[in-house]
Full PDB file with SEQRES, HELIX, SHEET, SSBOND, CRYST1, ORIGX, SCALE, CONECT and MASTER records, all heavy atoms in Angstrom:
SEQRES   1 A   39  THR ASP ARG ARG ILE LEU ALA GLY VAL ASP GLY VAL GLU          
SEQRES   2 A   39  PHE ALA ASP ASN ARG LEU THR VAL SER ALA ARG LEU ALA          
SEQRES   3 A   39  PRO VAL ASP GLU LEU ARG SER GLU TYR HIS ARG GLU VAL          
SHEET    1 AA1 2 ARG A   4  ALA A  15  0                                        
SHEET    2 AA1 2 ARG A  18  PRO A  27 -1                                        
CRYST1    1.000    1.000    1.000  90.00  90.00  90.00 P 1           1          
ORIGX1      1.000000  0.000000  0.000000        0.00000                         
ORIGX2      0.000000  1.000000  0.000000        0.00000                         
ORIGX3      0.000000  0.000000  1.000000        0.00000                         
SCALE1      1.000000  0.000000  0.000000        0.00000                         
SCALE2      0.000000  1.000000  0.000000        0.00000                         
SCALE3      0.000000  0.000000  1.000000        0.00000                         
ATOM      1  N   THR A   1       2.669 -16.706  -1.315  1.00  0.00           N  
ATOM      2  CA  THR A   1       1.427 -17.467  -1.477  1.00  0.00           C  
ATOM      3  C   THR A   1       1.492 -18.508  -2.582  1.00  0.00           C  
ATOM      4  O   THR A   1       0.924 -19.590  -2.445  1.00  0.00           O  
ATOM      5  CB  THR A   1       0.234 -16.527  -1.746  1.00  0.00           C  
ATOM      6  OG1 THR A   1       0.481 -15.768  -2.924  1.00  0.00           O  
ATOM      7  CG2 THR A   1      -0.012 -15.604  -0.570  1.00  0.00           C  
ATOM      8  N   ASP A   2       2.174 -18.201  -3.685  1.00  0.00           N  
ATOM      9  CA  ASP A   2       2.174 -19.105  -4.841  1.00  0.00           C  
ATOM     10  C   ASP A   2       3.550 -19.623  -5.213  1.00  0.00           C  
ATOM     11  O   ASP A   2       3.682 -20.371  -6.174  1.00  0.00           O  
ATOM     12  CB  ASP A   2       1.586 -18.393  -6.067  1.00  0.00           C  
ATOM     13  CG  ASP A   2       0.152 -17.964  -5.852  1.00  0.00           C  
ATOM     14  OD1 ASP A   2      -0.581 -18.690  -5.148  1.00  0.00           O  
ATOM     15  OD2 ASP A   2      -0.230 -16.897  -6.364  1.00  0.00           O  
ATOM     16  N   ARG A   3       4.585 -19.181  -4.486  1.00  0.00           N  
ATOM     17  CA  ARG A   3       5.973 -19.559  -4.792  1.00  0.00           C  
ATOM     18  C   ARG A   3       6.320 -19.239  -6.242  1.00  0.00           C  
ATOM     19  O   ARG A   3       6.916 -20.026  -6.963  1.00  0.00           O  
ATOM     20  CB  ARG A   3       6.235 -21.030  -4.504  1.00  0.00           C  
ATOM     21  CG  ARG A   3       6.426 -21.344  -3.047  1.00  0.00           C  
ATOM     22  CD  ARG A   3       7.624 -20.569  -2.523  1.00  0.00           C  
ATOM     23  NE  ARG A   3       8.137 -21.059  -1.281  1.00  0.00           N  
ATOM     24  CZ  ARG A   3       8.143 -20.349  -0.151  1.00  0.00           C  
ATOM     25  NH1 ARG A   3       7.620 -19.156  -0.128  1.00  0.00           N  
ATOM     26  NH2 ARG A   3       8.666 -20.832   0.929  1.00  0.00           N  
ATOM     27  N   ARG A   4       5.952 -18.008  -6.652  1.00  0.00           N  
ATOM     28  CA  ARG A   4       6.282 -17.513  -7.992  1.00  0.00           C  
ATOM     29  C   ARG A   4       7.174 -16.290  -7.872  1.00  0.00           C  
ATOM     30  O   ARG A   4       7.024 -15.489  -6.961  1.00  0.00           O  
ATOM     31  CB  ARG A   4       5.021 -17.166  -8.772  1.00  0.00           C  
ATOM     32  CG  ARG A   4       4.181 -18.385  -9.081  1.00  0.00           C  
ATOM     33  CD  ARG A   4       2.941 -18.006  -9.860  1.00  0.00           C  
ATOM     34  NE  ARG A   4       2.048 -19.130  -9.954  1.00  0.00           N  
ATOM     35  CZ  ARG A   4       1.894 -19.875 -11.048  1.00  0.00           C  
ATOM     36  NH1 ARG A   4       2.574 -19.587 -12.129  1.00  0.00           N  
ATOM     37  NH2 ARG A   4       1.062 -20.872 -11.063  1.00  0.00           N  
ATOM     38  N   ILE A   5       8.092 -16.166  -8.826  1.00  0.00           N  
ATOM     39  CA  ILE A   5       9.018 -15.039  -8.859  1.00  0.00           C  
ATOM     40  C   ILE A   5       8.977 -14.386 -10.235  1.00  0.00           C  
ATOM     41  O   ILE A   5       8.558 -15.005 -11.219  1.00  0.00           O  
ATOM     42  CB  ILE A   5      10.460 -15.461  -8.500  1.00  0.00           C  
ATOM     43  CG1 ILE A   5      10.976 -16.559  -9.449  1.00  0.00           C  
ATOM     44  CG2 ILE A   5      10.540 -15.901  -7.043  1.00  0.00           C  
ATOM     45  CD1 ILE A   5      12.422 -16.958  -9.233  1.00  0.00           C  
ATOM     46  N   LEU A   6       9.441 -13.162 -10.269  1.00  0.00           N  
ATOM     47  CA  LEU A   6       9.481 -12.417 -11.522  1.00  0.00           C  
ATOM     48  C   LEU A   6      10.468 -13.085 -12.475  1.00  0.00           C  
ATOM     49  O   LEU A   6      11.632 -13.266 -12.142  1.00  0.00           O  
ATOM     50  CB  LEU A   6       9.909 -10.974 -11.231  1.00  0.00           C  
ATOM     51  CG  LEU A   6       9.772  -9.975 -12.362  1.00  0.00           C  
ATOM     52  CD1 LEU A   6       8.297  -9.713 -12.662  1.00  0.00           C  
ATOM     53  CD2 LEU A   6      10.459  -8.671 -11.986  1.00  0.00           C  
ATOM     54  N   ALA A   7       9.974 -13.437 -13.663  1.00  0.00           N  
ATOM     55  CA  ALA A   7      10.824 -14.100 -14.659  1.00  0.00           C  
ATOM     56  C   ALA A   7      11.242 -13.147 -15.767  1.00  0.00           C  
ATOM     57  O   ALA A   7      12.190 -13.426 -16.488  1.00  0.00           O  
ATOM     58  CB  ALA A   7      10.085 -15.302 -15.249  1.00  0.00           C  
ATOM     59  N   GLY A   8      10.553 -12.045 -15.899  1.00  0.00           N  
ATOM     60  CA  GLY A   8      10.892 -11.075 -16.932  1.00  0.00           C  
ATOM     61  C   GLY A   8       9.900  -9.936 -16.938  1.00  0.00           C  
ATOM     62  O   GLY A   8       8.749 -10.094 -16.533  1.00  0.00           O  
ATOM     63  N   VAL A   9      10.378  -8.784 -17.372  1.00  0.00           N  
ATOM     64  CA  VAL A   9       9.540  -7.595 -17.466  1.00  0.00           C  
ATOM     65  C   VAL A   9       9.359  -7.261 -18.939  1.00  0.00           C  
ATOM     66  O   VAL A   9      10.334  -7.128 -19.674  1.00  0.00           O  
ATOM     67  CB  VAL A   9      10.187  -6.409 -16.723  1.00  0.00           C  
ATOM     68  CG1 VAL A   9       9.387  -5.142 -16.929  1.00  0.00           C  
ATOM     69  CG2 VAL A   9      10.330  -6.727 -15.237  1.00  0.00           C  
ATOM     70  N   ASP A  10       8.105  -7.162 -19.367  1.00  0.00           N  
ATOM     71  CA  ASP A  10       7.797  -6.878 -20.771  1.00  0.00           C  
ATOM     72  C   ASP A  10       7.545  -5.400 -21.016  1.00  0.00           C  
ATOM     73  O   ASP A  10       7.777  -4.902 -22.108  1.00  0.00           O  
ATOM     74  CB  ASP A  10       6.582  -7.698 -21.215  1.00  0.00           C  
ATOM     75  CG  ASP A  10       6.831  -9.196 -21.072  1.00  0.00           C  
ATOM     76  OD1 ASP A  10       7.948  -9.645 -21.392  1.00  0.00           O  
ATOM     77  OD2 ASP A  10       5.912  -9.904 -20.624  1.00  0.00           O  
ATOM     78  N   GLY A  11       7.052  -4.692 -20.003  1.00  0.00           N  
ATOM     79  CA  GLY A  11       6.777  -3.267 -20.170  1.00  0.00           C  
ATOM     80  C   GLY A  11       6.532  -2.606 -18.829  1.00  0.00           C  
ATOM     81  O   GLY A  11       5.998  -3.225 -17.917  1.00  0.00           O  
ATOM     82  N   VAL A  12       6.943  -1.338 -18.721  1.00  0.00           N  
ATOM     83  CA  VAL A  12       6.771  -0.585 -17.483  1.00  0.00           C  
ATOM     84  C   VAL A  12       6.295   0.819 -17.828  1.00  0.00           C  
ATOM     85  O   VAL A  12       6.855   1.473 -18.703  1.00  0.00           O  
ATOM     86  CB  VAL A  12       8.102  -0.480 -16.694  1.00  0.00           C  
ATOM     87  CG1 VAL A  12       7.918   0.389 -15.453  1.00  0.00           C  
ATOM     88  CG2 VAL A  12       8.632  -1.850 -16.329  1.00  0.00           C  
ATOM     89  N   GLU A  13       5.255   1.266 -17.138  1.00  0.00           N  
ATOM     90  CA  GLU A  13       4.823   2.666 -17.192  1.00  0.00           C  
ATOM     91  C   GLU A  13       4.942   3.200 -15.768  1.00  0.00           C  
ATOM     92  O   GLU A  13       4.243   2.744 -14.867  1.00  0.00           O  
ATOM     93  CB  GLU A  13       3.380   2.780 -17.674  1.00  0.00           C  
ATOM     94  CG  GLU A  13       2.880   4.203 -17.694  1.00  0.00           C  
ATOM     95  CD  GLU A  13       1.388   4.302 -17.946  1.00  0.00           C  
ATOM     96  OE1 GLU A  13       0.804   3.357 -18.489  1.00  0.00           O  
ATOM     97  OE2 GLU A  13       0.812   5.334 -17.576  1.00  0.00           O  
ATOM     98  N   PHE A  14       5.860   4.117 -15.560  1.00  0.00           N  
ATOM     99  CA  PHE A  14       6.144   4.628 -14.224  1.00  0.00           C  
ATOM    100  C   PHE A  14       6.075   6.148 -14.300  1.00  0.00           C  
ATOM    101  O   PHE A  14       7.074   6.821 -14.487  1.00  0.00           O  
ATOM    102  CB  PHE A  14       7.536   4.178 -13.803  1.00  0.00           C  
ATOM    103  CG  PHE A  14       7.785   4.164 -12.318  1.00  0.00           C  
ATOM    104  CD1 PHE A  14       8.756   3.346 -11.799  1.00  0.00           C  
ATOM    105  CD2 PHE A  14       7.080   4.972 -11.440  1.00  0.00           C  
ATOM    106  CE1 PHE A  14       9.027   3.312 -10.435  1.00  0.00           C  
ATOM    107  CE2 PHE A  14       7.332   4.951 -10.081  1.00  0.00           C  
ATOM    108  CZ  PHE A  14       8.309   4.111  -9.578  1.00  0.00           C  
ATOM    109  N   ALA A  15       4.861   6.694 -14.201  1.00  0.00           N  
ATOM    110  CA  ALA A  15       4.681   8.142 -14.331  1.00  0.00           C  
ATOM    111  C   ALA A  15       3.313   8.544 -13.803  1.00  0.00           C  
ATOM    112  O   ALA A  15       2.415   7.717 -13.670  1.00  0.00           O  
ATOM    113  CB  ALA A  15       4.804   8.554 -15.790  1.00  0.00           C  
ATOM    114  N   ASP A  16       3.171   9.835 -13.534  1.00  0.00           N  
ATOM    115  CA  ASP A  16       1.887  10.410 -13.139  1.00  0.00           C  
ATOM    116  C   ASP A  16       1.239   9.663 -11.974  1.00  0.00           C  
ATOM    117  O   ASP A  16       0.058   9.328 -12.013  1.00  0.00           O  
ATOM    118  CB  ASP A  16       0.919  10.451 -14.332  1.00  0.00           C  
ATOM    119  CG  ASP A  16       1.443  11.301 -15.465  1.00  0.00           C  
ATOM    120  OD1 ASP A  16       2.120  12.308 -15.181  1.00  0.00           O  
ATOM    121  OD2 ASP A  16       1.191  10.951 -16.632  1.00  0.00           O  
ATOM    122  N   ASN A  17       2.018   9.384 -10.943  1.00  0.00           N  
ATOM    123  CA  ASN A  17       1.508   8.695  -9.755  1.00  0.00           C  
ATOM    124  C   ASN A  17       0.903   7.333 -10.062  1.00  0.00           C  
ATOM    125  O   ASN A  17      -0.013   6.885  -9.390  1.00  0.00           O  
ATOM    126  CB  ASN A  17       0.494   9.573  -9.014  1.00  0.00           C  
ATOM    127  CG  ASN A  17       1.121  10.834  -8.485  1.00  0.00           C  
ATOM    128  OD1 ASN A  17       2.274  10.825  -8.074  1.00  0.00           O  
ATOM    129  ND2 ASN A  17       0.390  11.919  -8.518  1.00  0.00           N  
ATOM    130  N   ARG A  18       1.440   6.678 -11.077  1.00  0.00           N  
ATOM    131  CA  ARG A  18       0.936   5.363 -11.468  1.00  0.00           C  
ATOM    132  C   ARG A  18       2.114   4.488 -11.871  1.00  0.00           C  
ATOM    133  O   ARG A  18       3.058   4.939 -12.509  1.00  0.00           O  
ATOM    134  CB  ARG A  18      -0.012   5.496 -12.649  1.00  0.00           C  
ATOM    135  CG  ARG A  18      -0.523   4.153 -13.158  1.00  0.00           C  
ATOM    136  CD  ARG A  18      -1.459   4.264 -14.342  1.00  0.00           C  
ATOM    137  NE  ARG A  18      -2.573   5.138 -14.026  1.00  0.00           N  
ATOM    138  CZ  ARG A  18      -2.873   6.230 -14.740  1.00  0.00           C  
ATOM    139  NH1 ARG A  18      -2.158   6.564 -15.785  1.00  0.00           N  
ATOM    140  NH2 ARG A  18      -3.893   6.986 -14.412  1.00  0.00           N  
ATOM    141  N   LEU A  19       2.024   3.206 -11.491  1.00  0.00           N  
ATOM    142  CA  LEU A  19       3.004   2.214 -11.918  1.00  0.00           C  
ATOM    143  C   LEU A  19       2.254   1.027 -12.493  1.00  0.00           C  
ATOM    144  O   LEU A  19       1.405   0.441 -11.819  1.00  0.00           O  
ATOM    145  CB  LEU A  19       3.879   1.761 -10.743  1.00  0.00           C  
ATOM    146  CG  LEU A  19       4.843   0.608 -11.019  1.00  0.00           C  
ATOM    147  CD1 LEU A  19       5.834   0.962 -12.127  1.00  0.00           C  
ATOM    148  CD2 LEU A  19       5.581   0.211  -9.748  1.00  0.00           C  
ATOM    149  N   THR A  20       2.535   0.712 -13.736  1.00  0.00           N  
ATOM    150  CA  THR A  20       1.978  -0.470 -14.377  1.00  0.00           C  
ATOM    151  C   THR A  20       3.144  -1.296 -14.903  1.00  0.00           C  
ATOM    152  O   THR A  20       3.987  -0.782 -15.638  1.00  0.00           O  
ATOM    153  CB  THR A  20       1.039  -0.104 -15.541  1.00  0.00           C  
ATOM    154  OG1 THR A  20       0.003   0.752 -15.044  1.00  0.00           O  
ATOM    155  CG2 THR A  20       0.419  -1.342 -16.161  1.00  0.00           C  
ATOM    156  N   VAL A  21       3.193  -2.553 -14.504  1.00  0.00           N  
ATOM    157  CA  VAL A  21       4.255  -3.458 -14.941  1.00  0.00           C  
ATOM    158  C   VAL A  21       3.612  -4.671 -15.592  1.00  0.00           C  
ATOM    159  O   VAL A  21       2.821  -5.377 -14.962  1.00  0.00           O  
ATOM    160  CB  VAL A  21       5.145  -3.911 -13.764  1.00  0.00           C  
ATOM    161  CG1 VAL A  21       6.233  -4.866 -14.250  1.00  0.00           C  
ATOM    162  CG2 VAL A  21       5.749  -2.711 -13.052  1.00  0.00           C  
ATOM    163  N   SER A  22       3.931  -4.893 -16.863  1.00  0.00           N  
ATOM    164  CA  SER A  22       3.536  -6.112 -17.562  1.00  0.00           C  
ATOM    165  C   SER A  22       4.737  -7.041 -17.500  1.00  0.00           C  
ATOM    166  O   SER A  22       5.834  -6.671 -17.946  1.00  0.00           O  
ATOM    167  CB  SER A  22       3.179  -5.824 -19.019  1.00  0.00           C  
ATOM    168  OG  SER A  22       2.105  -4.914 -19.082  1.00  0.00           O  
ATOM    169  N   ALA A  23       4.520  -8.204 -16.957  1.00  0.00           N  
ATOM    170  CA  ALA A  23       5.655  -9.086 -16.689  1.00  0.00           C  
ATOM    171  C   ALA A  23       5.234 -10.547 -16.801  1.00  0.00           C  
ATOM    172  O   ALA A  23       4.107 -10.857 -17.182  1.00  0.00           O  
ATOM    173  CB  ALA A  23       6.196  -8.792 -15.296  1.00  0.00           C  
ATOM    174  N   ARG A  24       6.175 -11.404 -16.446  1.00  0.00           N  
ATOM    175  CA  ARG A  24       5.932 -12.836 -16.375  1.00  0.00           C  
ATOM    176  C   ARG A  24       6.414 -13.343 -15.025  1.00  0.00           C  
ATOM    177  O   ARG A  24       7.473 -12.930 -14.557  1.00  0.00           O  
ATOM    178  CB  ARG A  24       6.673 -13.550 -17.500  1.00  0.00           C  
ATOM    179  CG  ARG A  24       6.046 -13.278 -18.863  1.00  0.00           C  
ATOM    180  CD  ARG A  24       6.942 -13.697 -20.020  1.00  0.00           C  
ATOM    181  NE  ARG A  24       7.866 -12.578 -20.296  1.00  0.00           N  
ATOM    182  CZ  ARG A  24       9.181 -12.630 -20.130  1.00  0.00           C  
ATOM    183  NH1 ARG A  24       9.758 -13.730 -19.718  1.00  0.00           N  
ATOM    184  NH2 ARG A  24       9.937 -11.586 -20.384  1.00  0.00           N  
ATOM    185  N   LEU A  25       5.621 -14.187 -14.401  1.00  0.00           N  
ATOM    186  CA  LEU A  25       6.013 -14.853 -13.164  1.00  0.00           C  
ATOM    187  C   LEU A  25       6.241 -16.322 -13.459  1.00  0.00           C  
ATOM    188  O   LEU A  25       5.580 -16.904 -14.325  1.00  0.00           O  
ATOM    189  CB  LEU A  25       4.933 -14.718 -12.091  1.00  0.00           C  
ATOM    190  CG  LEU A  25       4.613 -13.323 -11.574  1.00  0.00           C  
ATOM    191  CD1 LEU A  25       3.567 -13.416 -10.462  1.00  0.00           C  
ATOM    192  CD2 LEU A  25       5.850 -12.615 -11.065  1.00  0.00           C  
ATOM    193  N   ALA A  26       7.187 -16.911 -12.736  1.00  0.00           N  
ATOM    194  CA  ALA A  26       7.501 -18.327 -12.915  1.00  0.00           C  
ATOM    195  C   ALA A  26       7.574 -19.003 -11.549  1.00  0.00           C  
ATOM    196  O   ALA A  26       8.003 -18.384 -10.569  1.00  0.00           O  
ATOM    197  CB  ALA A  26       8.828 -18.485 -13.659  1.00  0.00           C  
ATOM    198  N   PRO A  27       7.184 -20.269 -11.493  1.00  0.00           N  
ATOM    199  CA  PRO A  27       7.307 -21.000 -10.228  1.00  0.00           C  
ATOM    200  C   PRO A  27       8.778 -21.144  -9.818  1.00  0.00           C  
ATOM    201  O   PRO A  27       9.662 -21.268 -10.666  1.00  0.00           O  
ATOM    202  CB  PRO A  27       6.703 -22.367 -10.542  1.00  0.00           C  
ATOM    203  CG  PRO A  27       5.879 -22.165 -11.774  1.00  0.00           C  
ATOM    204  CD  PRO A  27       6.535 -21.068 -12.537  1.00  0.00           C  
ATOM    205  N   VAL A  28       8.993 -21.155  -8.513  1.00  0.00           N  
ATOM    206  CA  VAL A  28      10.336 -21.382  -7.979  1.00  0.00           C  
ATOM    207  C   VAL A  28      10.648 -22.873  -8.065  1.00  0.00           C  
ATOM    208  O   VAL A  28       9.817 -23.709  -7.719  1.00  0.00           O  
ATOM    209  CB  VAL A  28      10.420 -20.905  -6.508  1.00  0.00           C  
ATOM    210  CG1 VAL A  28      11.744 -21.304  -5.872  1.00  0.00           C  
ATOM    211  CG2 VAL A  28      10.205 -19.413  -6.422  1.00  0.00           C  
ATOM    212  N   ASP A  29      11.838 -23.189  -8.529  1.00  0.00           N  
ATOM    213  CA  ASP A  29      12.324 -24.575  -8.523  1.00  0.00           C  
ATOM    214  C   ASP A  29      12.869 -24.843  -7.121  1.00  0.00           C  
ATOM    215  O   ASP A  29      13.959 -24.391  -6.769  1.00  0.00           O  
ATOM    216  CB  ASP A  29      13.423 -24.741  -9.575  1.00  0.00           C  
ATOM    217  CG  ASP A  29      13.876 -26.176  -9.711  1.00  0.00           C  
ATOM    218  OD1 ASP A  29      13.864 -26.910  -8.698  1.00  0.00           O  
ATOM    219  OD2 ASP A  29      14.267 -26.560 -10.823  1.00  0.00           O  
ATOM    220  N   GLU A  30      12.088 -25.535  -6.323  1.00  0.00           N  
ATOM    221  CA  GLU A  30      12.430 -25.752  -4.917  1.00  0.00           C  
ATOM    222  C   GLU A  30      13.703 -26.582  -4.748  1.00  0.00           C  
ATOM    223  O   GLU A  30      14.428 -26.418  -3.766  1.00  0.00           O  
ATOM    224  CB  GLU A  30      11.265 -26.417  -4.173  1.00  0.00           C  
ATOM    225  CG  GLU A  30      10.007 -25.569  -4.117  1.00  0.00           C  
ATOM    226  CD  GLU A  30      10.155 -24.319  -3.266  1.00  0.00           C  
ATOM    227  OE1 GLU A  30      11.067 -24.249  -2.424  1.00  0.00           O  
ATOM    228  OE2 GLU A  30       9.348 -23.387  -3.455  1.00  0.00           O  
ATOM    229  N   LEU A  31      14.002 -27.459  -5.671  1.00  0.00           N  
ATOM    230  CA  LEU A  31      15.193 -28.306  -5.556  1.00  0.00           C  
ATOM    231  C   LEU A  31      16.481 -27.546  -5.848  1.00  0.00           C  
ATOM    232  O   LEU A  31      17.524 -27.846  -5.262  1.00  0.00           O  
ATOM    233  CB  LEU A  31      15.076 -29.515  -6.482  1.00  0.00           C  
ATOM    234  CG  LEU A  31      13.936 -30.477  -6.169  1.00  0.00           C  
ATOM    235  CD1 LEU A  31      13.863 -31.589  -7.209  1.00  0.00           C  
ATOM    236  CD2 LEU A  31      14.112 -31.059  -4.766  1.00  0.00           C  
ATOM    237  N   ARG A  32      16.430 -26.573  -6.726  1.00  0.00           N  
ATOM    238  CA  ARG A  32      17.637 -25.842  -7.105  1.00  0.00           C  
ATOM    239  C   ARG A  32      17.790 -24.513  -6.379  1.00  0.00           C  
ATOM    240  O   ARG A  32      18.844 -23.891  -6.459  1.00  0.00           O  
ATOM    241  CB  ARG A  32      17.657 -25.603  -8.615  1.00  0.00           C  
ATOM    242  CG  ARG A  32      17.713 -26.903  -9.414  1.00  0.00           C  
ATOM    243  CD  ARG A  32      17.853 -26.693 -10.898  1.00  0.00           C  
ATOM    244  NE  ARG A  32      16.946 -25.676 -11.401  1.00  0.00           N  
ATOM    245  CZ  ARG A  32      17.141 -24.980 -12.508  1.00  0.00           C  
ATOM    246  NH1 ARG A  32      18.202 -25.174 -13.249  1.00  0.00           N  
ATOM    247  NH2 ARG A  32      16.263 -24.073 -12.900  1.00  0.00           N  
ATOM    248  N   SER A  33      16.770 -24.074  -5.669  1.00  0.00           N  
ATOM    249  CA  SER A  33      16.825 -22.790  -4.967  1.00  0.00           C  
ATOM    250  C   SER A  33      17.408 -22.966  -3.565  1.00  0.00           C  
ATOM    251  O   SER A  33      17.274 -24.022  -2.953  1.00  0.00           O  
ATOM    252  CB  SER A  33      15.423 -22.189  -4.858  1.00  0.00           C  
ATOM    253  OG  SER A  33      14.930 -21.863  -6.135  1.00  0.00           O  
ATOM    254  N   GLU A  34      18.062 -21.902  -3.085  1.00  0.00           N  
ATOM    255  CA  GLU A  34      18.596 -21.870  -1.722  1.00  0.00           C  
ATOM    256  C   GLU A  34      17.945 -20.697  -0.986  1.00  0.00           C  
ATOM    257  O   GLU A  34      17.901 -19.585  -1.511  1.00  0.00           O  
ATOM    258  CB  GLU A  34      20.108 -21.635  -1.743  1.00  0.00           C  
ATOM    259  CG  GLU A  34      20.890 -22.719  -2.412  1.00  0.00           C  
ATOM    260  CD  GLU A  34      22.365 -22.355  -2.490  1.00  0.00           C  
ATOM    261  OE1 GLU A  34      22.838 -21.509  -1.695  1.00  0.00           O  
ATOM    262  OE2 GLU A  34      23.038 -22.911  -3.367  1.00  0.00           O  
ATOM    263  N   TYR A  35      17.477 -20.959   0.230  1.00  0.00           N  
ATOM    264  CA  TYR A  35      16.837 -19.926   1.029  1.00  0.00           C  
ATOM    265  C   TYR A  35      17.782 -19.482   2.138  1.00  0.00           C  
ATOM    266  O   TYR A  35      18.341 -20.316   2.844  1.00  0.00           O  
ATOM    267  CB  TYR A  35      15.518 -20.435   1.616  1.00  0.00           C  
ATOM    268  CG  TYR A  35      14.507 -20.757   0.547  1.00  0.00           C  
ATOM    269  CD1 TYR A  35      14.326 -22.059   0.085  1.00  0.00           C  
ATOM    270  CD2 TYR A  35      13.750 -19.748  -0.024  1.00  0.00           C  
ATOM    271  CE1 TYR A  35      13.409 -22.339  -0.917  1.00  0.00           C  
ATOM    272  CE2 TYR A  35      12.825 -20.024  -1.025  1.00  0.00           C  
ATOM    273  CZ  TYR A  35      12.664 -21.320  -1.462  1.00  0.00           C  
ATOM    274  OH  TYR A  35      11.764 -21.601  -2.447  1.00  0.00           O  
ATOM    275  N   HIS A  36      17.955 -18.159   2.285  1.00  0.00           N  
ATOM    276  CA  HIS A  36      18.839 -17.612   3.304  1.00  0.00           C  
ATOM    277  C   HIS A  36      18.076 -16.914   4.409  1.00  0.00           C  
ATOM    278  O   HIS A  36      18.444 -16.994   5.563  1.00  0.00           O  
ATOM    279  CB  HIS A  36      19.828 -16.627   2.684  1.00  0.00           C  
ATOM    280  CG  HIS A  36      20.673 -17.244   1.615  1.00  0.00           C  
ATOM    281  ND1 HIS A  36      21.484 -16.515   0.797  1.00  0.00           N  
ATOM    282  CD2 HIS A  36      20.842 -18.531   1.216  1.00  0.00           C  
ATOM    283  CE1 HIS A  36      22.116 -17.293  -0.049  1.00  0.00           C  
ATOM    284  NE2 HIS A  36      21.727 -18.517   0.181  1.00  0.00           N  
ATOM    285  N   ARG A  37      17.016 -16.182   4.057  1.00  0.00           N  
ATOM    286  CA  ARG A  37      16.261 -15.401   5.035  1.00  0.00           C  
ATOM    287  C   ARG A  37      14.786 -15.370   4.647  1.00  0.00           C  
ATOM    288  O   ARG A  37      14.453 -15.467   3.481  1.00  0.00           O  
ATOM    289  CB  ARG A  37      16.734 -13.938   5.063  1.00  0.00           C  
ATOM    290  CG  ARG A  37      18.155 -13.713   5.421  1.00  0.00           C  
ATOM    291  CD  ARG A  37      18.454 -12.213   5.233  1.00  0.00           C  
ATOM    292  NE  ARG A  37      19.856 -11.961   5.084  1.00  0.00           N  
ATOM    293  CZ  ARG A  37      20.520 -11.925   3.925  1.00  0.00           C  
ATOM    294  NH1 ARG A  37      19.919 -12.100   2.794  1.00  0.00           N  
ATOM    295  NH2 ARG A  37      21.810 -11.679   3.916  1.00  0.00           N  
ATOM    296  N   GLU A  38      13.973 -15.142   5.651  1.00  0.00           N  
ATOM    297  CA  GLU A  38      12.561 -14.884   5.399  1.00  0.00           C  
ATOM    298  C   GLU A  38      12.358 -13.375   5.407  1.00  0.00           C  
ATOM    299  O   GLU A  38      12.779 -12.688   6.338  1.00  0.00           O  
ATOM    300  CB  GLU A  38      11.688 -15.514   6.480  1.00  0.00           C  
ATOM    301  CG  GLU A  38      10.223 -15.207   6.312  1.00  0.00           C  
ATOM    302  CD  GLU A  38       9.375 -15.736   7.446  1.00  0.00           C  
ATOM    303  OE1 GLU A  38       9.923 -16.318   8.389  1.00  0.00           O  
ATOM    304  OE2 GLU A  38       8.154 -15.543   7.380  1.00  0.00           O  
ATOM    305  N   VAL A  39      11.742 -12.854   4.367  1.00  0.00           N  
ATOM    306  CA  VAL A  39      11.390 -11.439   4.321  1.00  0.00           C  
ATOM    307  C   VAL A  39       9.949 -11.318   4.797  1.00  0.00           C  
ATOM    308  O   VAL A  39       9.048 -11.910   4.212  1.00  0.00           O  
ATOM    309  CB  VAL A  39      11.556 -10.851   2.896  1.00  0.00           C  
ATOM    310  CG1 VAL A  39      10.990  -9.438   2.839  1.00  0.00           C  
ATOM    311  CG2 VAL A  39      13.016 -10.861   2.487  1.00  0.00           C  
TER     312      VAL A  39                                                      
MASTER        0    0    0    0    2    0    0    6  311    1    0    3          
END                                                                             
């Protein structure tokens, strides 16, 4: 939807049936990226 990808993970809590991820997303550089498949 936004052409953003994970740029880094700052913190993860993965326990007690809960997952919380504090992270950073960055826009994809369309000129330098190569696409192989659609997921």
